[in-house]
Amino acid sequence: MDNQNLVDMANRIGDFFDSMPDREEALAGVAEHIRRFWEPRMRRALLATLDAPDTSGIAMSDFVRQALVSHRAQLTPAEPSTV
Protein backbone atom coordinates (compact mmCIF):
# COMPACT_ATOMS: atom_id res chain seq x y z
CA MET A 1 0.00 0.00 0.00
CA ASP A 2 1.38 3.41 -0.96
CA ASN A 3 1.48 5.43 2.25
CA GLN A 4 2.18 8.67 0.40
CA ASN A 5 -1.02 8.18 -1.61
CA LEU A 6 -3.03 7.51 1.56
CA VAL A 7 -1.67 10.65 3.20
CA ASP A 8 -2.39 12.67 0.05
CA MET A 9 -5.99 11.42 0.03
CA ALA A 10 -6.37 12.17 3.76
CA ASN A 11 -4.94 15.67 3.19
CA ARG A 12 -7.49 16.32 0.42
CA ILE A 13 -10.28 15.22 2.76
CA GLY A 14 -8.80 17.51 5.40
CA ASP A 15 -8.70 20.42 2.95
CA PHE A 16 -12.44 20.04 2.41
CA PHE A 17 -13.37 19.88 6.09
CA ASP A 18 -10.85 22.53 7.22
CA SER A 19 -13.04 25.26 5.75
CA MET A 20 -15.85 24.50 8.21
CA PRO A 21 -16.31 27.18 10.89
CA ASP A 22 -16.68 24.70 13.79
CA ARG A 23 -13.22 23.18 14.33
CA GLU A 24 -14.41 20.17 16.36
CA GLU A 25 -17.10 19.37 13.82
CA ALA A 26 -14.51 19.61 11.04
CA LEU A 27 -12.09 17.26 12.82
CA ALA A 28 -14.91 14.80 13.45
CA GLY A 29 -15.91 15.08 9.79
CA VAL A 30 -12.45 14.03 8.61
CA ALA A 31 -12.44 11.05 10.95
CA GLU A 32 -15.99 10.02 10.08
CA HIS A 33 -15.30 10.20 6.35
CA ILE A 34 -12.21 8.03 6.68
CA ARG A 35 -14.01 5.58 8.97
CA ARG A 36 -16.99 5.20 6.64
CA PHE A 37 -15.29 5.11 3.26
CA TRP A 38 -11.84 3.63 3.82
CA GLU A 39 -11.41 -0.09 4.20
CA PRO A 40 -9.74 -1.33 7.42
CA ARG A 41 -6.33 -2.03 5.87
CA MET A 42 -6.20 1.54 4.53
CA ARG A 43 -7.01 2.93 7.98
CA ARG A 44 -4.39 0.67 9.59
CA ALA A 45 -1.76 1.86 7.12
CA LEU A 46 -2.66 5.52 7.66
CA LEU A 47 -2.48 5.15 11.44
CA ALA A 48 0.84 3.31 11.12
CA THR A 49 2.16 6.22 9.06
CA LEU A 50 0.98 8.58 11.78
CA ASP A 51 2.93 6.55 14.36
CA ALA A 52 6.09 6.11 12.27
CA PRO A 53 9.05 8.08 13.66
CA ASP A 54 10.48 8.73 10.17
CA THR A 55 7.94 9.34 7.45
CA SER A 56 10.65 10.14 4.85
CA GLY A 57 9.06 13.13 3.19
CA ILE A 58 5.42 12.14 3.68
CA ALA A 59 3.72 15.41 4.56
CA MET A 60 0.55 14.88 6.58
CA SER A 61 -1.21 18.16 7.30
CA ASP A 62 -1.43 19.26 10.93
CA PHE A 63 -5.22 19.36 10.61
CA VAL A 64 -5.42 15.73 9.46
CA ARG A 65 -2.89 14.69 12.11
CA GLN A 66 -5.05 16.33 14.78
CA ALA A 67 -8.20 14.62 13.45
CA LEU A 68 -6.50 11.20 13.47
CA VAL A 69 -5.09 11.63 16.97
CA SER A 70 -8.30 12.94 18.50
CA HIS A 71 -10.51 10.29 16.85
CA ARG A 72 -8.10 7.37 16.82
CA ALA A 73 -10.38 5.02 18.75
CA GLN A 74 -13.16 5.24 16.16
CA LEU A 75 -10.67 4.92 13.29
CA THR A 76 -8.87 1.84 14.59
CA PRO A 77 -10.40 -1.22 12.94
CA ALA A 78 -10.95 -4.41 14.88
CA GLU A 79 -8.17 -6.92 14.49
CA PRO A 80 -8.90 -9.40 11.71
CA SER A 81 -10.00 -12.78 12.97
CA THR A 82 -7.62 -15.67 12.49
CA VAL A 83 -10.28 -18.34 12.09
PDB file of N, CA and C in Angstrom:
ATOM      1  N   MET A   1       0.854  -1.177   0.000  1.00  0.00           N
ATOM      2  CA  MET A   1       0.000   0.000   0.000  1.00  0.00           C
ATOM      3  C   MET A   1       0.895   1.234   0.000  1.00  0.00           C
ATOM      4  N   ASP A   2       0.584   2.187  -0.824  1.00  0.00           N
ATOM      5  CA  ASP A   2       1.381   3.406  -0.958  1.00  0.00           C
ATOM      6  C   ASP A   2       0.964   4.416   0.114  1.00  0.00           C
ATOM      7  N   ASN A   3       1.803   4.538   1.134  1.00  0.00           N
ATOM      8  CA  ASN A   3       1.478   5.429   2.250  1.00  0.00           C
ATOM      9  C   ASN A   3       1.394   6.889   1.822  1.00  0.00           C
ATOM     10  N   GLN A   4       2.237   7.289   0.879  1.00  0.00           N
ATOM     11  CA  GLN A   4       2.176   8.666   0.397  1.00  0.00           C
ATOM     12  C   GLN A   4       0.809   8.952  -0.226  1.00  0.00           C
ATOM     13  N   ASN A   5       0.289   8.012  -1.007  1.00  0.00           N
ATOM     14  CA  ASN A   5      -1.023   8.184  -1.613  1.00  0.00           C
ATOM     15  C   ASN A   5      -2.116   8.281  -0.547  1.00  0.00           C
ATOM     16  N   LEU A   6      -2.035   7.445   0.485  1.00  0.00           N
ATOM     17  CA  LEU A   6      -3.028   7.505   1.558  1.00  0.00           C
ATOM     18  C   LEU A   6      -2.995   8.860   2.257  1.00  0.00           C
ATOM     19  N   VAL A   7      -1.805   9.348   2.537  1.00  0.00           N
ATOM     20  CA  VAL A   7      -1.674  10.651   3.199  1.00  0.00           C
ATOM     21  C   VAL A   7      -2.186  11.758   2.281  1.00  0.00           C
ATOM     22  N   ASP A   8      -1.884  11.671   1.001  1.00  0.00           N
ATOM     23  CA  ASP A   8      -2.394  12.669   0.051  1.00  0.00           C
ATOM     24  C   ASP A   8      -3.920  12.680   0.030  1.00  0.00           C
ATOM     25  N   MET A   9      -4.520  11.488   0.018  1.00  0.00           N
ATOM     26  CA  MET A   9      -5.990  11.417   0.031  1.00  0.00           C
ATOM     27  C   MET A   9      -6.538  11.996   1.337  1.00  0.00           C
ATOM     28  N   ALA A  10      -5.918  11.645   2.465  1.00  0.00           N
ATOM     29  CA  ALA A  10      -6.365  12.174   3.758  1.00  0.00           C
ATOM     30  C   ALA A  10      -6.218  13.695   3.793  1.00  0.00           C
ATOM     31  N   ASN A  11      -5.138  14.217   3.231  1.00  0.00           N
ATOM     32  CA  ASN A  11      -4.944  15.670   3.189  1.00  0.00           C
ATOM     33  C   ASN A  11      -6.018  16.359   2.350  1.00  0.00           C
ATOM     34  N   ARG A  12      -6.415  15.732   1.249  1.00  0.00           N
ATOM     35  CA  ARG A  12      -7.488  16.318   0.425  1.00  0.00           C
ATOM     36  C   ARG A  12      -8.813  16.323   1.187  1.00  0.00           C
ATOM     37  N   ILE A  13      -9.081  15.260   1.915  1.00  0.00           N
ATOM     38  CA  ILE A  13     -10.284  15.221   2.760  1.00  0.00           C
ATOM     39  C   ILE A  13     -10.189  16.329   3.807  1.00  0.00           C
ATOM     40  N   GLY A  14      -9.020  16.460   4.408  1.00  0.00           N
ATOM     41  CA  GLY A  14      -8.800  17.508   5.400  1.00  0.00           C
ATOM     42  C   GLY A  14      -8.990  18.896   4.819  1.00  0.00           C
ATOM     43  N   ASP A  15      -8.530  19.118   3.599  1.00  0.00           N
ATOM     44  CA  ASP A  15      -8.703  20.425   2.955  1.00  0.00           C
ATOM     45  C   ASP A  15     -10.183  20.783   2.843  1.00  0.00           C
ATOM     46  N   PHE A  16     -11.007  19.793   2.524  1.00  0.00           N
ATOM     47  CA  PHE A  16     -12.444  20.037   2.406  1.00  0.00           C
ATOM     48  C   PHE A  16     -13.038  20.439   3.759  1.00  0.00           C
ATOM     49  N   PHE A  17     -12.753  19.647   4.791  1.00  0.00           N
ATOM     50  CA  PHE A  17     -13.373  19.880   6.093  1.00  0.00           C
ATOM     51  C   PHE A  17     -12.756  21.066   6.837  1.00  0.00           C
ATOM     52  N   ASP A  18     -11.530  21.435   6.517  1.00  0.00           N
ATOM     53  CA  ASP A  18     -10.846  22.526   7.219  1.00  0.00           C
ATOM     54  C   ASP A  18     -11.545  23.869   7.030  1.00  0.00           C
ATOM     55  N   SER A  19     -12.351  23.992   5.996  1.00  0.00           N
ATOM     56  CA  SER A  19     -13.043  25.261   5.745  1.00  0.00           C
ATOM     57  C   SER A  19     -14.288  25.436   6.630  1.00  0.00           C
ATOM     58  N   MET A  20     -14.665  24.399   7.356  1.00  0.00           N
ATOM     59  CA  MET A  20     -15.847  24.499   8.214  1.00  0.00           C
ATOM     60  C   MET A  20     -15.564  25.432   9.390  1.00  0.00           C
ATOM     61  N   PRO A  21     -16.545  26.230   9.799  1.00  0.00           N
ATOM     62  CA  PRO A  21     -16.312  27.183  10.890  1.00  0.00           C
ATOM     63  C   PRO A  21     -16.137  26.516  12.267  1.00  0.00           C
ATOM     64  N   ASP A  22     -16.784  25.393  12.503  1.00  0.00           N
ATOM     65  CA  ASP A  22     -16.677  24.702  13.790  1.00  0.00           C
ATOM     66  C   ASP A  22     -15.527  23.696  13.714  1.00  0.00           C
ATOM     67  N   ARG A  23     -14.446  24.000  14.409  1.00  0.00           N
ATOM     68  CA  ARG A  23     -13.222  23.182  14.327  1.00  0.00           C
ATOM     69  C   ARG A  23     -13.466  21.743  14.764  1.00  0.00           C
ATOM     70  N   GLU A  24     -14.162  21.533  15.873  1.00  0.00           N
ATOM     71  CA  GLU A  24     -14.408  20.171  16.362  1.00  0.00           C
ATOM     72  C   GLU A  24     -15.266  19.380  15.384  1.00  0.00           C
ATOM     73  N   GLU A  25     -16.258  20.026  14.809  1.00  0.00           N
ATOM     74  CA  GLU A  25     -17.102  19.371  13.816  1.00  0.00           C
ATOM     75  C   GLU A  25     -16.288  18.999  12.577  1.00  0.00           C
ATOM     76  N   ALA A  26     -15.361  19.872  12.201  1.00  0.00           N
ATOM     77  CA  ALA A  26     -14.515  19.614  11.041  1.00  0.00           C
ATOM     78  C   ALA A  26     -13.586  18.427  11.300  1.00  0.00           C
ATOM     79  N   LEU A  27     -12.971  18.377  12.474  1.00  0.00           N
ATOM     80  CA  LEU A  27     -12.091  17.257  12.818  1.00  0.00           C
ATOM     81  C   LEU A  27     -12.871  15.951  12.839  1.00  0.00           C
ATOM     82  N   ALA A  28     -14.052  15.992  13.421  1.00  0.00           N
ATOM     83  CA  ALA A  28     -14.906  14.797  13.449  1.00  0.00           C
ATOM     84  C   ALA A  28     -15.319  14.397  12.037  1.00  0.00           C
ATOM     85  N   GLY A  29     -15.535  15.368  11.166  1.00  0.00           N
ATOM     86  CA  GLY A  29     -15.909  15.082   9.785  1.00  0.00           C
ATOM     87  C   GLY A  29     -14.821  14.333   9.036  1.00  0.00           C
ATOM     88  N   VAL A  30     -13.574  14.735   9.237  1.00  0.00           N
ATOM     89  CA  VAL A  30     -12.451  14.030   8.611  1.00  0.00           C
ATOM     90  C   VAL A  30     -12.434  12.577   9.079  1.00  0.00           C
ATOM     91  N   ALA A  31     -12.500  12.395  10.389  1.00  0.00           N
ATOM     92  CA  ALA A  31     -12.439  11.046  10.948  1.00  0.00           C
ATOM     93  C   ALA A  31     -13.625  10.197  10.491  1.00  0.00           C
ATOM     94  N   GLU A  32     -14.797  10.765  10.484  1.00  0.00           N
ATOM     95  CA  GLU A  32     -15.990  10.018  10.079  1.00  0.00           C
ATOM     96  C   GLU A  32     -15.913   9.622   8.609  1.00  0.00           C
ATOM     97  N   HIS A  33     -15.438  10.523   7.772  1.00  0.00           N
ATOM     98  CA  HIS A  33     -15.304  10.204   6.350  1.00  0.00           C
ATOM     99  C   HIS A  33     -14.339   9.032   6.161  1.00  0.00           C
ATOM    100  N   ILE A  34     -13.195   9.101   6.812  1.00  0.00           N
ATOM    101  CA  ILE A  34     -12.208   8.029   6.685  1.00  0.00           C
ATOM    102  C   ILE A  34     -12.760   6.724   7.250  1.00  0.00           C
ATOM    103  N   ARG A  35     -13.443   6.796   8.367  1.00  0.00           N
ATOM    104  CA  ARG A  35     -14.007   5.578   8.968  1.00  0.00           C
ATOM    105  C   ARG A  35     -15.044   4.930   8.054  1.00  0.00           C
ATOM    106  N   ARG A  36     -15.901   5.741   7.458  1.00  0.00           N
ATOM    107  CA  ARG A  36     -16.992   5.198   6.643  1.00  0.00           C
ATOM    108  C   ARG A  36     -16.553   4.710   5.270  1.00  0.00           C
ATOM    109  N   PHE A  37     -15.590   5.388   4.658  1.00  0.00           N
ATOM    110  CA  PHE A  37     -15.291   5.114   3.256  1.00  0.00           C
ATOM    111  C   PHE A  37     -13.960   4.426   2.992  1.00  0.00           C
ATOM    112  N   TRP A  38     -13.122   4.309   4.002  1.00  0.00           N
ATOM    113  CA  TRP A  38     -11.837   3.628   3.816  1.00  0.00           C
ATOM    114  C   TRP A  38     -11.924   2.233   4.406  1.00  0.00           C
ATOM    115  N   GLU A  39     -11.402   1.264   3.692  1.00  0.00           N
ATOM    116  CA  GLU A  39     -11.413  -0.093   4.203  1.00  0.00           C
ATOM    117  C   GLU A  39     -10.406  -0.204   5.356  1.00  0.00           C
ATOM    118  N   PRO A  40     -10.580  -1.215   6.223  1.00  0.00           N
ATOM    119  CA  PRO A  40      -9.739  -1.332   7.418  1.00  0.00           C
ATOM    120  C   PRO A  40      -8.238  -1.331   7.149  1.00  0.00           C
ATOM    121  N   ARG A  41      -7.781  -2.003   6.106  1.00  0.00           N
ATOM    122  CA  ARG A  41      -6.332  -2.033   5.871  1.00  0.00           C
ATOM    123  C   ARG A  41      -5.796  -0.652   5.494  1.00  0.00           C
ATOM    124  N   MET A  42      -6.613   0.171   4.845  1.00  0.00           N
ATOM    125  CA  MET A  42      -6.195   1.538   4.534  1.00  0.00           C
ATOM    126  C   MET A  42      -6.081   2.360   5.812  1.00  0.00           C
ATOM    127  N   ARG A  43      -7.059   2.199   6.707  1.00  0.00           N
ATOM    128  CA  ARG A  43      -7.007   2.933   7.980  1.00  0.00           C
ATOM    129  C   ARG A  43      -5.823   2.479   8.825  1.00  0.00           C
ATOM    130  N   ARG A  44      -5.556   1.168   8.847  1.00  0.00           N
ATOM    131  CA  ARG A  44      -4.391   0.670   9.594  1.00  0.00           C
ATOM    132  C   ARG A  44      -3.102   1.273   9.053  1.00  0.00           C
ATOM    133  N   ALA A  45      -2.967   1.312   7.742  1.00  0.00           N
ATOM    134  CA  ALA A  45      -1.758   1.860   7.118  1.00  0.00           C
ATOM    135  C   ALA A  45      -1.617   3.353   7.408  1.00  0.00           C
ATOM    136  N   LEU A  46      -2.716   4.089   7.368  1.00  0.00           N
ATOM    137  CA  LEU A  46      -2.661   5.523   7.658  1.00  0.00           C
ATOM    138  C   LEU A  46      -2.257   5.759   9.112  1.00  0.00           C
ATOM    139  N   LEU A  47      -2.838   5.002  10.032  1.00  0.00           N
ATOM    140  CA  LEU A  47      -2.476   5.150  11.443  1.00  0.00           C
ATOM    141  C   LEU A  47      -1.038   4.727  11.699  1.00  0.00           C
ATOM    142  N   ALA A  48      -0.563   3.716  10.989  1.00  0.00           N
ATOM    143  CA  ALA A  48       0.837   3.307  11.121  1.00  0.00           C
ATOM    144  C   ALA A  48       1.765   4.413  10.622  1.00  0.00           C
ATOM    145  N   THR A  49       1.381   5.095   9.560  1.00  0.00           N
ATOM    146  CA  THR A  49       2.160   6.217   9.056  1.00  0.00           C
ATOM    147  C   THR A  49       2.185   7.343  10.084  1.00  0.00           C
ATOM    148  N   LEU A  50       1.058   7.573  10.725  1.00  0.00           N
ATOM    149  CA  LEU A  50       0.981   8.584  11.778  1.00  0.00           C
ATOM    150  C   LEU A  50       1.963   8.267  12.902  1.00  0.00           C
ATOM    151  N   ASP A  51       2.083   6.988  13.245  1.00  0.00           N
ATOM    152  CA  ASP A  51       2.933   6.554  14.359  1.00  0.00           C
ATOM    153  C   ASP A  51       4.405   6.416  13.998  1.00  0.00           C
ATOM    154  N   ALA A  52       4.716   6.348  12.705  1.00  0.00           N
ATOM    155  CA  ALA A  52       6.092   6.107  12.271  1.00  0.00           C
ATOM    156  C   ALA A  52       6.989   7.284  12.654  1.00  0.00           C
ATOM    157  N   PRO A  53       8.152   6.992  13.253  1.00  0.00           N
ATOM    158  CA  PRO A  53       9.055   8.076  13.660  1.00  0.00           C
ATOM    159  C   PRO A  53       9.670   8.806  12.469  1.00  0.00           C
ATOM    160  N   ASP A  54       9.891   8.110  11.362  1.00  0.00           N
ATOM    161  CA  ASP A  54      10.477   8.728  10.173  1.00  0.00           C
ATOM    162  C   ASP A  54       9.558   8.469   8.994  1.00  0.00           C
ATOM    163  N   THR A  55       8.874   9.502   8.560  1.00  0.00           N
ATOM    164  CA  THR A  55       7.944   9.336   7.448  1.00  0.00           C
ATOM    165  C   THR A  55       8.585   9.659   6.107  1.00  0.00           C
ATOM    166  N   SER A  56       9.863   9.948   6.083  1.00  0.00           N
ATOM    167  CA  SER A  56      10.646  10.136   4.847  1.00  0.00           C
ATOM    168  C   SER A  56       9.939  10.995   3.804  1.00  0.00           C
ATOM    169  N   GLY A  57       9.622  12.211   4.167  1.00  0.00           N
ATOM    170  CA  GLY A  57       9.060  13.135   3.194  1.00  0.00           C
ATOM    171  C   GLY A  57       7.554  13.073   3.032  1.00  0.00           C
ATOM    172  N   ILE A  58       6.881  12.204   3.763  1.00  0.00           N
ATOM    173  CA  ILE A  58       5.422  12.140   3.685  1.00  0.00           C
ATOM    174  C   ILE A  58       4.873  13.287   4.525  1.00  0.00           C
ATOM    175  N   ALA A  59       4.169  14.194   3.895  1.00  0.00           N
ATOM    176  CA  ALA A  59       3.716  15.413   4.562  1.00  0.00           C
ATOM    177  C   ALA A  59       2.230  15.350   4.898  1.00  0.00           C
ATOM    178  N   MET A  60       1.933  14.892   6.102  1.00  0.00           N
ATOM    179  CA  MET A  60       0.549  14.883   6.578  1.00  0.00           C
ATOM    180  C   MET A  60       0.252  16.265   7.166  1.00  0.00           C
ATOM    181  N   SER A  61      -0.877  16.836   6.788  1.00  0.00           N
ATOM    182  CA  SER A  61      -1.214  18.165   7.300  1.00  0.00           C
ATOM    183  C   SER A  61      -1.456  18.095   8.805  1.00  0.00           C
ATOM    184  N   ASP A  62      -1.200  19.201   9.479  1.00  0.00           N
ATOM    185  CA  ASP A  62      -1.426  19.260  10.929  1.00  0.00           C
ATOM    186  C   ASP A  62      -2.896  19.035  11.263  1.00  0.00           C
ATOM    187  N   PHE A  63      -3.779  19.522  10.397  1.00  0.00           N
ATOM    188  CA  PHE A  63      -5.219  19.358  10.612  1.00  0.00           C
ATOM    189  C   PHE A  63      -5.611  17.880  10.570  1.00  0.00           C
ATOM    190  N   VAL A  64      -5.115  17.160   9.572  1.00  0.00           N
ATOM    191  CA  VAL A  64      -5.417  15.728   9.463  1.00  0.00           C
ATOM    192  C   VAL A  64      -4.789  14.978  10.637  1.00  0.00           C
ATOM    193  N   ARG A  65      -3.559  15.323  10.969  1.00  0.00           N
ATOM    194  CA  ARG A  65      -2.894  14.688  12.112  1.00  0.00           C
ATOM    195  C   ARG A  65      -3.735  14.856  13.374  1.00  0.00           C
ATOM    196  N   GLN A  66      -4.227  16.060  13.607  1.00  0.00           N
ATOM    197  CA  GLN A  66      -5.054  16.327  14.781  1.00  0.00           C
ATOM    198  C   GLN A  66      -6.349  15.508  14.745  1.00  0.00           C
ATOM    199  N   ALA A  67      -6.967  15.409  13.575  1.00  0.00           N
ATOM    200  CA  ALA A  67      -8.198  14.618  13.447  1.00  0.00           C
ATOM    201  C   ALA A  67      -7.935  13.150  13.744  1.00  0.00           C
ATOM    202  N   LEU A  68      -6.826  12.610  13.243  1.00  0.00           N
ATOM    203  CA  LEU A  68      -6.500  11.201  13.472  1.00  0.00           C
ATOM    204  C   LEU A  68      -6.199  10.933  14.946  1.00  0.00           C
ATOM    205  N   VAL A  69      -5.443  11.822  15.557  1.00  0.00           N
ATOM    206  CA  VAL A  69      -5.085  11.628  16.966  1.00  0.00           C
ATOM    207  C   VAL A  69      -6.318  11.732  17.854  1.00  0.00           C
ATOM    208  N   SER A  70      -7.149  12.731  17.626  1.00  0.00           N
ATOM    209  CA  SER A  70      -8.295  12.940  18.504  1.00  0.00           C
ATOM    210  C   SER A  70      -9.430  11.945  18.279  1.00  0.00           C
ATOM    211  N   HIS A  71      -9.448  11.261  17.142  1.00  0.00           N
ATOM    212  CA  HIS A  71     -10.509  10.290  16.852  1.00  0.00           C
ATOM    213  C   HIS A  71      -9.950   8.903  16.564  1.00  0.00           C
ATOM    214  N   ARG A  72      -8.783   8.631  17.095  1.00  0.00           N
ATOM    215  CA  ARG A  72      -8.099   7.367  16.817  1.00  0.00           C
ATOM    216  C   ARG A  72      -8.940   6.138  17.180  1.00  0.00           C
ATOM    217  N   ALA A  73      -9.619   6.177  18.308  1.00  0.00           N
ATOM    218  CA  ALA A  73     -10.385   5.016  18.752  1.00  0.00           C
ATOM    219  C   ALA A  73     -11.440   4.615  17.713  1.00  0.00           C
ATOM    220  N   GLN A  74     -12.134   5.585  17.144  1.00  0.00           N
ATOM    221  CA  GLN A  74     -13.161   5.244  16.162  1.00  0.00           C
ATOM    222  C   GLN A  74     -12.554   4.849  14.818  1.00  0.00           C
ATOM    223  N   LEU A  75     -11.319   5.244  14.552  1.00  0.00           N
ATOM    224  CA  LEU A  75     -10.671   4.921  13.288  1.00  0.00           C
ATOM    225  C   LEU A  75      -9.955   3.583  13.300  1.00  0.00           C
ATOM    226  N   THR A  76      -9.628   3.090  14.481  1.00  0.00           N
ATOM    227  CA  THR A  76      -8.871   1.838  14.593  1.00  0.00           C
ATOM    228  C   THR A  76      -9.797   0.657  14.318  1.00  0.00           C
ATOM    229  N   PRO A  77      -9.540  -0.074  13.245  1.00  0.00           N
ATOM    230  CA  PRO A  77     -10.405  -1.216  12.938  1.00  0.00           C
ATOM    231  C   PRO A  77     -10.139  -2.365  13.920  1.00  0.00           C
ATOM    232  N   ALA A  78     -11.128  -3.197  14.069  1.00  0.00           N
ATOM    233  CA  ALA A  78     -10.950  -4.408  14.877  1.00  0.00           C
ATOM    234  C   ALA A  78      -9.907  -5.276  14.218  1.00  0.00           C
ATOM    235  N   GLU A  79      -9.175  -6.002  15.023  1.00  0.00           N
ATOM    236  CA  GLU A  79      -8.167  -6.923  14.486  1.00  0.00           C
ATOM    237  C   GLU A  79      -8.868  -7.999  13.664  1.00  0.00           C
ATOM    238  N   PRO A  80      -8.279  -8.353  12.532  1.00  0.00           N
ATOM    239  CA  PRO A  80      -8.901  -9.396  11.711  1.00  0.00           C
ATOM    240  C   PRO A  80      -8.878 -10.730  12.458  1.00  0.00           C
ATOM    241  N   SER A  81      -9.934 -11.484  12.295  1.00  0.00           N
ATOM    242  CA  SER A  81     -10.001 -12.785  12.972  1.00  0.00           C
ATOM    243  C   SER A  81      -9.076 -13.775  12.280  1.00  0.00           C
ATOM    244  N   THR A  82      -8.546 -14.673  13.037  1.00  0.00           N
ATOM    245  CA  THR A  82      -7.620 -15.672  12.488  1.00  0.00           C
ATOM    246  C   THR A  82      -8.268 -17.053  12.475  1.00  0.00           C
ATOM    247  N   VAL A  83      -9.535 -17.074  12.128  1.00  0.00           N
ATOM    248  CA  VAL A  83     -10.277 -18.343  12.093  1.00  0.00           C
ATOM    249  C   VAL A  83     -10.034 -19.064  10.797  1.00  0.00           C
TER     250      VAL A  83
END
